[in-house]
Amino acid sequence: MRIYGMNGSGNCWKAAQILSLTGHAFEWVETVSGAAGTRSPDFLALNPIGKVPVVVLDDGTALRESNAILLHFAEGTPWLPQSGLRRTRVHEWLFFEQYSHEPYIAVARYLKSWLRQPHLHEARLADCATRGAAALDVMEQHLAGQPWLAGEGATIADLALFAYTHRAEEADFDLARWPAVLAWVERVAALPGISVIPPLAEILPRAS
């Protein structure tokens, strides 16, 4: 089994993390953006959208979209409730992550700390700051009353939201403003088998 991904990406972290947590061995294939990587003919045959992560199973089947990958490998494990309202709540948070959280916190992190060009994206970053804070407000209100996002015990909902929340400072979100979220980040990070994404300053080449 192989994961095509980018080191430092929260979405790619999700794929590697769920495979590790569910006991699947895999080969990591570091994949760059552009013609030499995600836009190459070989990669586009795996994912016509040209995005990572992609998980390729041993039979050659390609799985795409980070939260779909979480769902696939969590099936039949404690990371995904088998049925009922709690399973629905997991799906709610997965949609929330992709529509109300990741487009703002992850994008702000990318522009500020990955591209290192905040001066070229001031209007976009201002919108990300407002909408990202609103997403963290929703999480804060929810987590103030319970330790995990979808009821008793951690689920893939927690993995999905942890991916970019635990690196939110790289998008200029100070989690001290959201103490329940910060406490939840610490709980998730302390779970057995959980890894954290290294700071981008340790991953990316130094700016010249």
Protein backbone atom coordinates (compact mmCIF):
# COMPACT_ATOMS: atom_id res chain seq x y z
CA MET A 1 0.00 0.00 0.00
CA ARG A 2 1.26 3.48 -0.84
CA ILE A 3 0.36 7.02 0.19
CA TYR A 4 1.14 9.81 -2.22
CA GLY A 5 1.39 12.90 -0.06
CA MET A 6 3.27 16.01 0.99
CA ASN A 7 5.08 16.18 4.29
CA GLY A 8 3.55 18.98 6.36
CA SER A 9 0.09 18.74 4.82
CA GLY A 10 -2.71 18.22 7.32
CA ASN A 11 -4.83 16.37 4.78
CA CYS A 12 -1.97 13.99 4.02
CA TRP A 13 -1.33 13.58 7.75
CA LYS A 14 -4.88 12.26 8.11
CA ALA A 15 -4.21 9.45 5.62
CA ALA A 16 -0.94 8.38 7.22
CA GLN A 17 -2.38 8.65 10.72
CA ILE A 18 -5.46 6.48 10.14
CA LEU A 19 -3.41 3.81 8.38
CA SER A 20 -0.96 3.74 11.28
CA LEU A 21 -3.70 3.67 13.91
CA THR A 22 -5.47 0.77 12.19
CA GLY A 23 -2.30 -1.29 11.73
CA HIS A 24 -1.75 -0.91 7.99
CA ALA A 25 1.80 -0.85 6.68
CA PHE A 26 2.39 1.62 3.87
CA GLU A 27 5.04 3.26 1.73
CA TRP A 28 5.09 7.05 1.76
CA VAL A 29 5.68 8.62 -1.66
CA GLU A 30 6.59 12.29 -1.27
CA THR A 31 4.80 14.13 -4.08
CA VAL A 32 5.47 17.70 -5.14
CA SER A 33 3.00 20.08 -6.73
CA GLY A 34 3.15 20.77 -10.44
CA ALA A 35 4.26 19.00 -13.59
CA ALA A 36 6.82 16.82 -11.82
CA GLY A 37 4.28 15.56 -9.30
CA THR A 38 0.57 16.16 -8.93
CA ARG A 39 0.11 17.30 -12.55
CA SER A 40 2.13 14.47 -14.10
CA PRO A 41 0.27 11.97 -16.33
CA ASP A 42 1.01 9.11 -13.94
CA PHE A 43 -0.40 10.96 -10.96
CA LEU A 44 -3.43 12.27 -12.84
CA ALA A 45 -4.25 8.66 -13.69
CA LEU A 46 -4.57 8.10 -9.94
CA ASN A 47 -6.41 11.34 -9.20
CA PRO A 48 -7.70 13.44 -12.12
CA ILE A 49 -8.11 16.40 -9.75
CA GLY A 50 -4.34 16.45 -9.22
CA LYS A 51 -4.35 16.62 -5.44
CA VAL A 52 -2.86 14.65 -2.57
CA PRO A 53 -3.38 12.53 -0.58
CA VAL A 54 -4.00 9.45 -2.66
CA VAL A 55 -3.85 5.98 -1.11
CA VAL A 56 -3.17 3.16 -3.55
CA LEU A 57 -4.23 -0.25 -2.27
CA ASP A 58 -2.28 -3.41 -2.99
CA ASP A 59 -4.66 -4.25 -5.85
CA GLY A 60 -4.06 -0.85 -7.48
CA THR A 61 -7.31 0.78 -6.36
CA ALA A 62 -6.82 4.50 -5.67
CA LEU A 63 -8.60 6.20 -2.77
CA ARG A 64 -8.88 9.98 -2.86
CA GLU A 65 -10.03 12.79 -0.53
CA SER A 66 -8.65 12.79 3.00
CA ASN A 67 -11.92 12.41 4.87
CA ALA A 68 -13.09 9.62 2.56
CA ILE A 69 -9.80 7.87 3.36
CA LEU A 70 -10.48 8.32 7.07
CA LEU A 71 -13.93 6.77 6.66
CA HIS A 72 -12.64 3.84 4.60
CA PHE A 73 -9.97 2.71 7.04
CA ALA A 74 -11.93 3.52 10.20
CA GLU A 75 -14.82 1.26 9.19
CA GLY A 76 -15.18 -1.57 11.69
CA THR A 77 -12.85 0.06 14.24
CA PRO A 78 -13.51 2.16 17.36
CA TRP A 79 -12.58 5.26 15.34
CA LEU A 80 -15.99 5.18 13.59
CA PRO A 81 -19.25 4.35 15.38
CA GLN A 82 -21.09 1.49 13.73
CA SER A 83 -24.48 3.17 13.37
CA GLY A 84 -26.91 5.64 14.82
CA LEU A 85 -26.74 9.27 15.85
CA ARG A 86 -23.10 9.21 16.94
CA ARG A 87 -22.04 8.04 13.47
CA THR A 88 -24.10 10.87 11.98
CA ARG A 89 -22.34 13.34 14.28
CA VAL A 90 -18.98 12.11 12.98
CA HIS A 91 -20.11 12.85 9.42
CA GLU A 92 -21.34 16.29 10.48
CA TRP A 93 -17.90 17.18 11.80
CA LEU A 94 -16.18 15.81 8.68
CA PHE A 95 -18.31 18.08 6.50
CA PHE A 96 -17.72 20.98 8.89
CA GLU A 97 -13.97 20.44 8.64
CA GLN A 98 -13.93 20.55 4.85
CA TYR A 99 -16.40 23.42 4.38
CA SER A 100 -16.04 25.69 7.43
CA HIS A 101 -12.59 25.01 8.91
CA GLU A 102 -9.97 23.75 6.43
CA PRO A 103 -10.68 26.38 3.71
CA TYR A 104 -9.71 29.13 6.16
CA ILE A 105 -7.24 27.79 8.72
CA ALA A 106 -5.36 25.54 6.29
CA VAL A 107 -5.37 28.16 3.54
CA ALA A 108 -4.10 30.87 5.90
CA ARG A 109 -1.34 28.51 7.04
CA TYR A 110 -0.43 27.80 3.43
CA LEU A 111 -0.24 31.47 2.44
CA LYS A 112 1.58 32.64 5.58
CA SER A 113 3.88 29.79 6.48
CA TRP A 114 4.19 27.62 3.37
CA LEU A 115 4.35 30.18 0.54
CA ARG A 116 5.57 32.86 2.97
CA GLN A 117 3.83 35.54 0.92
CA PRO A 118 1.22 37.10 3.21
CA HIS A 119 1.74 40.55 1.66
CA LEU A 120 0.40 39.22 -1.66
CA HIS A 121 -2.82 37.86 -0.14
CA GLU A 122 -3.97 40.43 2.41
CA ALA A 123 -7.67 40.38 1.48
CA ARG A 124 -7.79 36.58 1.37
CA LEU A 125 -6.02 36.32 4.71
CA ALA A 126 -8.38 38.82 6.32
CA ASP A 127 -11.31 36.66 5.24
CA CYS A 128 -9.55 33.53 6.49
CA ALA A 129 -8.93 35.19 9.86
CA THR A 130 -12.62 36.00 10.30
CA ARG A 131 -13.99 32.69 9.07
CA GLY A 132 -11.31 30.59 10.73
CA ALA A 133 -12.03 32.25 14.07
CA ALA A 134 -15.73 31.53 13.57
CA ALA A 135 -14.95 27.83 13.05
CA LEU A 136 -12.85 27.75 16.20
CA ASP A 137 -15.68 29.49 18.07
CA VAL A 138 -18.02 26.64 17.07
CA MET A 139 -15.51 24.07 18.28
CA GLU A 140 -14.92 26.00 21.51
CA GLN A 141 -18.60 26.09 22.37
CA HIS A 142 -18.97 22.37 21.69
CA LEU A 143 -15.80 21.23 23.46
CA ALA A 144 -16.51 23.33 26.53
CA GLY A 145 -19.17 20.75 27.38
CA GLN A 146 -17.53 17.47 26.35
CA PRO A 147 -14.03 16.09 25.78
CA TRP A 148 -14.49 14.75 22.23
CA LEU A 149 -16.28 16.01 19.17
CA ALA A 150 -18.68 13.10 18.59
CA GLY A 151 -19.65 11.84 22.01
CA GLU A 152 -17.76 9.39 24.18
CA GLY A 153 -14.27 8.60 22.97
CA ALA A 154 -12.14 9.89 20.13
CA THR A 155 -13.24 9.28 16.54
CA ILE A 156 -12.07 10.24 13.08
CA ALA A 157 -13.96 13.50 13.62
CA ASP A 158 -11.25 14.39 16.13
CA LEU A 159 -8.51 13.31 13.73
CA ALA A 160 -9.96 15.39 10.90
CA LEU A 161 -10.18 18.57 12.97
CA PHE A 162 -6.88 17.98 14.78
CA ALA A 163 -4.95 17.95 11.49
CA TYR A 164 -4.93 21.70 10.93
CA THR A 165 -6.06 22.91 14.36
CA HIS A 166 -2.89 21.73 16.10
CA ARG A 167 -0.85 23.81 13.64
CA ALA A 168 -3.19 26.81 13.71
CA GLU A 169 -0.47 29.05 15.12
CA GLU A 170 1.19 28.84 11.70
CA ALA A 171 -1.92 30.59 10.39
CA ASP A 172 -1.72 33.23 13.17
CA PHE A 173 -4.51 31.72 15.28
CA ASP A 174 -3.49 31.79 18.94
CA LEU A 175 -5.33 28.87 20.53
CA ALA A 176 -5.03 30.50 23.95
CA ARG A 177 -8.12 32.43 22.81
CA TRP A 178 -9.99 29.09 22.64
CA PRO A 179 -9.05 27.23 25.86
CA ALA A 180 -11.43 24.30 25.36
CA VAL A 181 -10.02 23.76 21.86
CA LEU A 182 -6.47 23.97 23.20
CA ALA A 183 -7.25 21.39 25.90
CA TRP A 184 -8.80 19.12 23.26
CA VAL A 185 -5.69 19.44 21.06
CA GLU A 186 -3.61 18.31 24.02
CA ARG A 187 -5.96 15.35 24.62
CA VAL A 188 -5.78 14.21 21.01
CA ALA A 189 -2.00 14.59 20.91
CA ALA A 190 -1.72 12.40 24.02
CA LEU A 191 -3.68 9.50 22.51
CA PRO A 192 -1.63 6.34 21.86
CA GLY A 193 -0.25 6.25 18.33
CA ILE A 194 -0.91 9.90 17.51
CA SER A 195 1.88 11.79 15.79
CA VAL A 196 2.03 15.53 15.28
CA ILE A 197 3.00 17.50 12.21
CA PRO A 198 6.40 19.14 12.67
CA PRO A 199 6.48 22.93 12.33
CA LEU A 200 6.75 24.00 8.71
CA ALA A 201 9.94 25.87 9.57
CA GLU A 202 11.52 22.45 10.18
CA ILE A 203 10.14 20.92 6.98
CA LEU A 204 10.45 23.55 4.28
CA PRO A 205 13.70 24.89 2.84
CA ARG A 206 14.88 28.10 4.41
CA ALA A 207 13.94 31.21 2.50
CA SER A 208 16.90 32.67 0.64
